[in-house]
Amino acid sequence: MAASYDFPQDLIDAQDELRQVRAELQTLYRRVPWSAEPLDAWETHENAWRKSSRPASPGWDPQDTAEIARLRAREIELAQTIVTHAYWSEFAPADVLAARDALKHHHEQQMADASS
């Protein structure tokens, strides 16, 4: 059976917000063009080992650029908050990884417990 952890609420909140920020970033990355800057279309040479190509990219518009920058900054801030939280000092170094992994999956566990 997996170990049970009593995570502080601020740590859970930071992890939940980090998950949300990453989901928002992923959605935004799917919507914007493949290149942040305007670039011409390209494709590999016909004798290339692996053929590849990209259509022309108009680049990201300023609003998308600003939103991506804001979300990236928040992602870094939340990751730092989580990694440097005092809660982890309660564990032996060898046990932090398992506890950190449990926090990453805490939301899933709560959802499973609620549906039971």
N, C-alpha and C. Protein backbone atom coordinates (compact mmCIF):
# COMPACT_ATOMS: atom_id res chain seq x y z
N MET A 1 0.84 -1.19 0.00
CA MET A 1 0.00 0.00 0.00
C MET A 1 0.88 1.24 0.00
N ALA A 2 0.46 2.25 -0.73
CA ALA A 2 1.22 3.49 -0.82
C ALA A 2 1.15 4.24 0.50
N ALA A 3 2.22 4.97 0.77
CA ALA A 3 2.28 5.76 1.99
C ALA A 3 1.27 6.89 1.92
N SER A 4 0.78 7.31 3.08
CA SER A 4 -0.16 8.41 3.15
C SER A 4 0.59 9.63 3.69
N TYR A 5 0.31 10.78 3.11
CA TYR A 5 1.00 12.00 3.51
C TYR A 5 -0.02 13.04 3.92
N ASP A 6 0.35 13.84 4.91
CA ASP A 6 -0.50 14.92 5.40
C ASP A 6 0.07 16.24 4.86
N PHE A 7 -0.22 16.52 3.58
CA PHE A 7 0.33 17.71 2.95
C PHE A 7 -0.32 18.96 3.51
N PRO A 8 0.47 20.02 3.74
CA PRO A 8 -0.13 21.28 4.16
C PRO A 8 -0.99 21.85 3.03
N GLN A 9 -2.03 22.58 3.37
CA GLN A 9 -2.97 23.09 2.37
C GLN A 9 -2.30 24.03 1.37
N ASP A 10 -1.33 24.85 1.83
CA ASP A 10 -0.68 25.76 0.89
C ASP A 10 0.13 25.01 -0.17
N LEU A 11 0.67 23.86 0.21
CA LEU A 11 1.41 23.04 -0.74
C LEU A 11 0.45 22.38 -1.75
N ILE A 12 -0.66 21.91 -1.27
CA ILE A 12 -1.69 21.33 -2.16
C ILE A 12 -2.21 22.39 -3.12
N ASP A 13 -2.48 23.59 -2.59
CA ASP A 13 -2.98 24.68 -3.43
C ASP A 13 -1.97 25.05 -4.52
N ALA A 14 -0.69 25.12 -4.15
CA ALA A 14 0.35 25.45 -5.13
C ALA A 14 0.43 24.36 -6.21
N GLN A 15 0.34 23.10 -5.81
CA GLN A 15 0.39 22.01 -6.79
C GLN A 15 -0.83 22.04 -7.71
N ASP A 16 -1.99 22.31 -7.15
CA ASP A 16 -3.21 22.39 -7.96
C ASP A 16 -3.13 23.54 -8.96
N GLU A 17 -2.62 24.68 -8.51
CA GLU A 17 -2.48 25.83 -9.42
C GLU A 17 -1.43 25.54 -10.49
N LEU A 18 -0.35 24.86 -10.12
CA LEU A 18 0.67 24.50 -11.10
C LEU A 18 0.09 23.60 -12.17
N ARG A 19 -0.72 22.64 -11.79
CA ARG A 19 -1.37 21.76 -12.76
C ARG A 19 -2.25 22.57 -13.70
N GLN A 20 -2.99 23.52 -13.15
CA GLN A 20 -3.88 24.36 -13.96
C GLN A 20 -3.08 25.26 -14.91
N VAL A 21 -2.02 25.87 -14.43
CA VAL A 21 -1.19 26.73 -15.28
C VAL A 21 -0.59 25.92 -16.43
N ARG A 22 -0.12 24.73 -16.13
CA ARG A 22 0.45 23.89 -17.19
C ARG A 22 -0.61 23.48 -18.20
N ALA A 23 -1.82 23.23 -17.77
CA ALA A 23 -2.91 22.90 -18.70
C ALA A 23 -3.23 24.10 -19.59
N GLU A 24 -3.26 25.30 -19.00
CA GLU A 24 -3.51 26.50 -19.79
C GLU A 24 -2.41 26.73 -20.81
N LEU A 25 -1.17 26.52 -20.41
CA LEU A 25 -0.04 26.66 -21.34
C LEU A 25 -0.16 25.66 -22.49
N GLN A 26 -0.49 24.43 -22.18
CA GLN A 26 -0.61 23.40 -23.20
C GLN A 26 -1.71 23.77 -24.20
N THR A 27 -2.83 24.26 -23.72
CA THR A 27 -3.92 24.69 -24.59
C THR A 27 -3.48 25.85 -25.48
N LEU A 28 -2.78 26.79 -24.90
CA LEU A 28 -2.32 27.95 -25.66
C LEU A 28 -1.28 27.54 -26.70
N TYR A 29 -0.36 26.66 -26.35
CA TYR A 29 0.65 26.20 -27.31
C TYR A 29 0.02 25.47 -28.49
N ARG A 30 -1.07 24.77 -28.26
CA ARG A 30 -1.76 24.08 -29.35
C ARG A 30 -2.42 25.07 -30.31
N ARG A 31 -2.78 26.23 -29.81
CA ARG A 31 -3.51 27.21 -30.60
C ARG A 31 -2.59 28.14 -31.40
N VAL A 32 -1.43 28.49 -30.85
CA VAL A 32 -0.55 29.46 -31.52
C VAL A 32 0.25 28.78 -32.63
N PRO A 33 0.76 29.58 -33.58
CA PRO A 33 1.60 29.01 -34.64
C PRO A 33 2.84 28.34 -34.05
N TRP A 34 3.47 27.48 -34.85
CA TRP A 34 4.60 26.68 -34.37
C TRP A 34 5.81 27.53 -34.01
N SER A 35 5.95 28.72 -34.59
CA SER A 35 7.09 29.59 -34.30
C SER A 35 6.63 30.89 -33.66
N ALA A 36 7.33 31.31 -32.63
CA ALA A 36 6.99 32.58 -31.98
C ALA A 36 7.28 33.76 -32.89
N GLU A 37 8.28 33.62 -33.74
CA GLU A 37 8.65 34.67 -34.69
C GLU A 37 8.17 34.28 -36.09
N PRO A 38 7.89 35.26 -36.95
CA PRO A 38 7.51 34.92 -38.32
C PRO A 38 8.64 34.17 -39.03
N LEU A 39 8.33 33.03 -39.62
CA LEU A 39 9.32 32.24 -40.36
C LEU A 39 8.69 31.67 -41.61
N ASP A 40 9.52 31.51 -42.63
CA ASP A 40 9.07 30.92 -43.88
C ASP A 40 8.84 29.42 -43.70
N ALA A 41 8.05 28.87 -44.61
CA ALA A 41 7.86 27.42 -44.63
C ALA A 41 9.18 26.75 -44.97
N TRP A 42 9.34 25.50 -44.55
CA TRP A 42 10.56 24.76 -44.89
C TRP A 42 10.27 23.28 -44.95
N GLU A 43 11.15 22.57 -45.62
CA GLU A 43 11.10 21.11 -45.60
C GLU A 43 12.51 20.59 -45.80
N THR A 44 12.74 19.39 -45.34
CA THR A 44 14.07 18.80 -45.44
C THR A 44 14.38 18.42 -46.89
N HIS A 45 15.63 18.23 -47.15
CA HIS A 45 16.09 17.84 -48.48
C HIS A 45 15.53 16.46 -48.82
N GLU A 46 15.33 16.20 -50.09
CA GLU A 46 14.73 14.93 -50.52
C GLU A 46 15.53 13.70 -50.09
N ASN A 47 16.82 13.85 -49.85
CA ASN A 47 17.65 12.72 -49.42
C ASN A 47 17.84 12.68 -47.90
N ALA A 48 17.08 13.46 -47.19
CA ALA A 48 17.22 13.49 -45.73
C ALA A 48 16.83 12.15 -45.13
N TRP A 49 17.48 11.80 -44.06
CA TRP A 49 17.20 10.54 -43.37
C TRP A 49 15.75 10.50 -42.92
N ARG A 50 15.28 11.62 -42.41
CA ARG A 50 13.90 11.70 -41.94
C ARG A 50 13.28 12.97 -42.52
N LYS A 51 12.29 12.79 -43.33
CA LYS A 51 11.64 13.94 -43.96
C LYS A 51 10.81 14.70 -42.93
N SER A 52 10.87 16.01 -43.06
CA SER A 52 10.14 16.87 -42.14
C SER A 52 9.83 18.18 -42.85
N SER A 53 8.78 18.84 -42.41
CA SER A 53 8.44 20.14 -42.99
C SER A 53 7.59 20.92 -42.00
N ARG A 54 7.51 22.22 -42.25
CA ARG A 54 6.66 23.11 -41.46
C ARG A 54 6.05 24.14 -42.40
N PRO A 55 4.82 24.52 -42.17
CA PRO A 55 4.23 25.59 -42.97
C PRO A 55 4.79 26.95 -42.52
N ALA A 56 4.56 27.96 -43.29
CA ALA A 56 4.98 29.30 -42.89
C ALA A 56 4.29 29.67 -41.57
N SER A 57 5.00 30.40 -40.74
CA SER A 57 4.45 30.82 -39.46
C SER A 57 4.38 32.34 -39.41
N PRO A 58 3.21 32.88 -39.10
CA PRO A 58 3.11 34.34 -38.97
C PRO A 58 3.69 34.84 -37.65
N GLY A 59 4.03 33.92 -36.77
CA GLY A 59 4.50 34.30 -35.43
C GLY A 59 3.33 34.46 -34.47
N TRP A 60 3.66 34.63 -33.21
CA TRP A 60 2.63 34.81 -32.20
C TRP A 60 2.20 36.26 -32.17
N ASP A 61 0.92 36.49 -31.87
CA ASP A 61 0.49 37.88 -31.73
C ASP A 61 0.91 38.37 -30.33
N PRO A 62 0.97 39.68 -30.13
CA PRO A 62 1.47 40.22 -28.85
C PRO A 62 0.69 39.74 -27.63
N GLN A 63 -0.63 39.56 -27.77
CA GLN A 63 -1.42 39.10 -26.63
C GLN A 63 -1.03 37.68 -26.24
N ASP A 64 -0.84 36.81 -27.23
CA ASP A 64 -0.42 35.44 -26.94
C ASP A 64 0.97 35.41 -26.33
N THR A 65 1.87 36.24 -26.86
CA THR A 65 3.23 36.32 -26.33
C THR A 65 3.20 36.74 -24.86
N ALA A 66 2.40 37.75 -24.55
CA ALA A 66 2.30 38.23 -23.16
C ALA A 66 1.69 37.17 -22.25
N GLU A 67 0.65 36.49 -22.73
CA GLU A 67 -0.01 35.46 -21.92
C GLU A 67 0.92 34.28 -21.67
N ILE A 68 1.66 33.88 -22.68
CA ILE A 68 2.62 32.78 -22.51
C ILE A 68 3.71 33.18 -21.52
N ALA A 69 4.20 34.39 -21.63
CA ALA A 69 5.23 34.87 -20.70
C ALA A 69 4.71 34.89 -19.26
N ARG A 70 3.45 35.35 -19.10
CA ARG A 70 2.86 35.40 -17.76
C ARG A 70 2.70 34.00 -17.18
N LEU A 71 2.20 33.08 -18.01
CA LEU A 71 1.99 31.70 -17.53
C LEU A 71 3.32 31.01 -17.23
N ARG A 72 4.32 31.23 -18.06
CA ARG A 72 5.64 30.62 -17.81
C ARG A 72 6.22 31.15 -16.50
N ALA A 73 6.12 32.45 -16.29
CA ALA A 73 6.64 33.04 -15.05
C ALA A 73 5.92 32.46 -13.83
N ARG A 74 4.60 32.32 -13.93
CA ARG A 74 3.83 31.75 -12.81
C ARG A 74 4.19 30.28 -12.59
N GLU A 75 4.41 29.55 -13.68
CA GLU A 75 4.81 28.15 -13.57
C GLU A 75 6.12 28.02 -12.81
N ILE A 76 7.09 28.87 -13.12
CA ILE A 76 8.38 28.83 -12.43
C ILE A 76 8.22 29.21 -10.97
N GLU A 77 7.43 30.23 -10.70
CA GLU A 77 7.20 30.67 -9.33
C GLU A 77 6.56 29.55 -8.49
N LEU A 78 5.56 28.90 -9.05
CA LEU A 78 4.89 27.81 -8.32
C LEU A 78 5.83 26.62 -8.12
N ALA A 79 6.59 26.27 -9.14
CA ALA A 79 7.53 25.15 -9.01
C ALA A 79 8.56 25.45 -7.92
N GLN A 80 9.05 26.68 -7.86
CA GLN A 80 10.00 27.05 -6.81
C GLN A 80 9.36 26.97 -5.44
N THR A 81 8.13 27.43 -5.34
CA THR A 81 7.41 27.37 -4.07
C THR A 81 7.26 25.93 -3.59
N ILE A 82 6.92 25.05 -4.50
CA ILE A 82 6.72 23.64 -4.15
C ILE A 82 8.04 22.98 -3.76
N VAL A 83 9.04 23.16 -4.58
CA VAL A 83 10.33 22.47 -4.36
C VAL A 83 11.02 22.95 -3.08
N THR A 84 10.87 24.22 -2.75
CA THR A 84 11.58 24.77 -1.59
C THR A 84 10.72 24.81 -0.33
N HIS A 85 9.52 24.23 -0.37
CA HIS A 85 8.62 24.25 0.78
C HIS A 85 9.26 23.54 1.97
N ALA A 86 9.05 24.10 3.13
CA ALA A 86 9.63 23.53 4.36
C ALA A 86 9.13 22.13 4.67
N TYR A 87 7.98 21.76 4.14
CA TYR A 87 7.42 20.43 4.39
C TYR A 87 8.39 19.32 4.03
N TRP A 88 9.16 19.50 2.96
CA TRP A 88 10.06 18.45 2.49
C TRP A 88 11.20 18.19 3.47
N SER A 89 11.49 19.13 4.35
CA SER A 89 12.58 18.92 5.32
C SER A 89 12.21 17.87 6.37
N GLU A 90 10.94 17.49 6.46
CA GLU A 90 10.51 16.45 7.40
C GLU A 90 10.93 15.06 6.95
N PHE A 91 11.36 14.91 5.70
CA PHE A 91 11.67 13.61 5.13
C PHE A 91 13.16 13.40 4.98
N ALA A 92 13.56 12.14 5.06
CA ALA A 92 14.92 11.78 4.70
C ALA A 92 15.07 12.01 3.20
N PRO A 93 16.25 12.40 2.75
CA PRO A 93 16.43 12.68 1.32
C PRO A 93 15.93 11.55 0.41
N ALA A 94 16.10 10.32 0.82
CA ALA A 94 15.67 9.19 -0.01
C ALA A 94 14.14 9.08 -0.10
N ASP A 95 13.42 9.70 0.82
CA ASP A 95 11.96 9.60 0.85
C ASP A 95 11.24 10.78 0.20
N VAL A 96 11.98 11.83 -0.12
CA VAL A 96 11.35 13.02 -0.69
C VAL A 96 10.73 12.72 -2.04
N LEU A 97 11.38 11.92 -2.86
CA LEU A 97 10.88 11.62 -4.20
C LEU A 97 9.49 10.98 -4.14
N ALA A 98 9.31 10.01 -3.28
CA ALA A 98 8.01 9.35 -3.16
C ALA A 98 6.95 10.32 -2.66
N ALA A 99 7.31 11.17 -1.70
CA ALA A 99 6.36 12.14 -1.18
C ALA A 99 6.00 13.18 -2.25
N ARG A 100 7.00 13.62 -2.99
CA ARG A 100 6.76 14.60 -4.05
C ARG A 100 5.86 14.01 -5.13
N ASP A 101 6.10 12.76 -5.47
CA ASP A 101 5.27 12.08 -6.45
C ASP A 101 3.83 11.96 -5.95
N ALA A 102 3.66 11.67 -4.67
CA ALA A 102 2.32 11.58 -4.09
C ALA A 102 1.60 12.93 -4.18
N LEU A 103 2.33 14.03 -3.97
CA LEU A 103 1.72 15.34 -4.09
C LEU A 103 1.27 15.60 -5.53
N LYS A 104 2.10 15.20 -6.49
CA LYS A 104 1.74 15.40 -7.90
C LYS A 104 0.44 14.67 -8.25
N HIS A 105 0.19 13.56 -7.60
CA HIS A 105 -1.00 12.76 -7.89
C HIS A 105 -2.09 12.92 -6.83
N HIS A 106 -1.92 13.88 -5.94
CA HIS A 106 -2.87 14.11 -4.85
C HIS A 106 -4.27 14.41 -5.39
N HIS A 107 -4.35 15.22 -6.43
CA HIS A 107 -5.64 15.58 -7.01
C HIS A 107 -6.36 14.34 -7.54
N GLU A 108 -5.63 13.48 -8.24
CA GLU A 108 -6.21 12.26 -8.78
C GLU A 108 -6.73 11.37 -7.65
N GLN A 109 -5.98 11.29 -6.57
CA GLN A 109 -6.39 10.47 -5.45
C GLN A 109 -7.65 11.02 -4.80
N GLN A 110 -7.74 12.34 -4.68
CA GLN A 110 -8.93 12.96 -4.12
C GLN A 110 -10.15 12.69 -4.99
N MET A 111 -9.96 12.75 -6.31
CA MET A 111 -11.06 12.49 -7.24
C MET A 111 -11.52 11.02 -7.11
N ALA A 112 -10.57 10.12 -6.99
CA ALA A 112 -10.91 8.69 -6.84
C ALA A 112 -11.63 8.45 -5.52
N ASP A 113 -11.16 9.09 -4.45
CA ASP A 113 -11.81 8.93 -3.14
C ASP A 113 -13.23 9.50 -3.15
N ALA A 114 -13.43 10.59 -3.86
CA ALA A 114 -14.75 11.22 -3.91
C ALA A 114 -15.75 10.38 -4.69
N SER A 115 -15.26 9.64 -5.69
CA SER A 115 -16.16 8.82 -6.49
C SER A 115 -16.43 7.47 -5.85
N SER A 116 -15.73 7.15 -4.79
CA SER A 116 -15.93 5.86 -4.11
C SER A 116 -17.13 5.88 -3.19
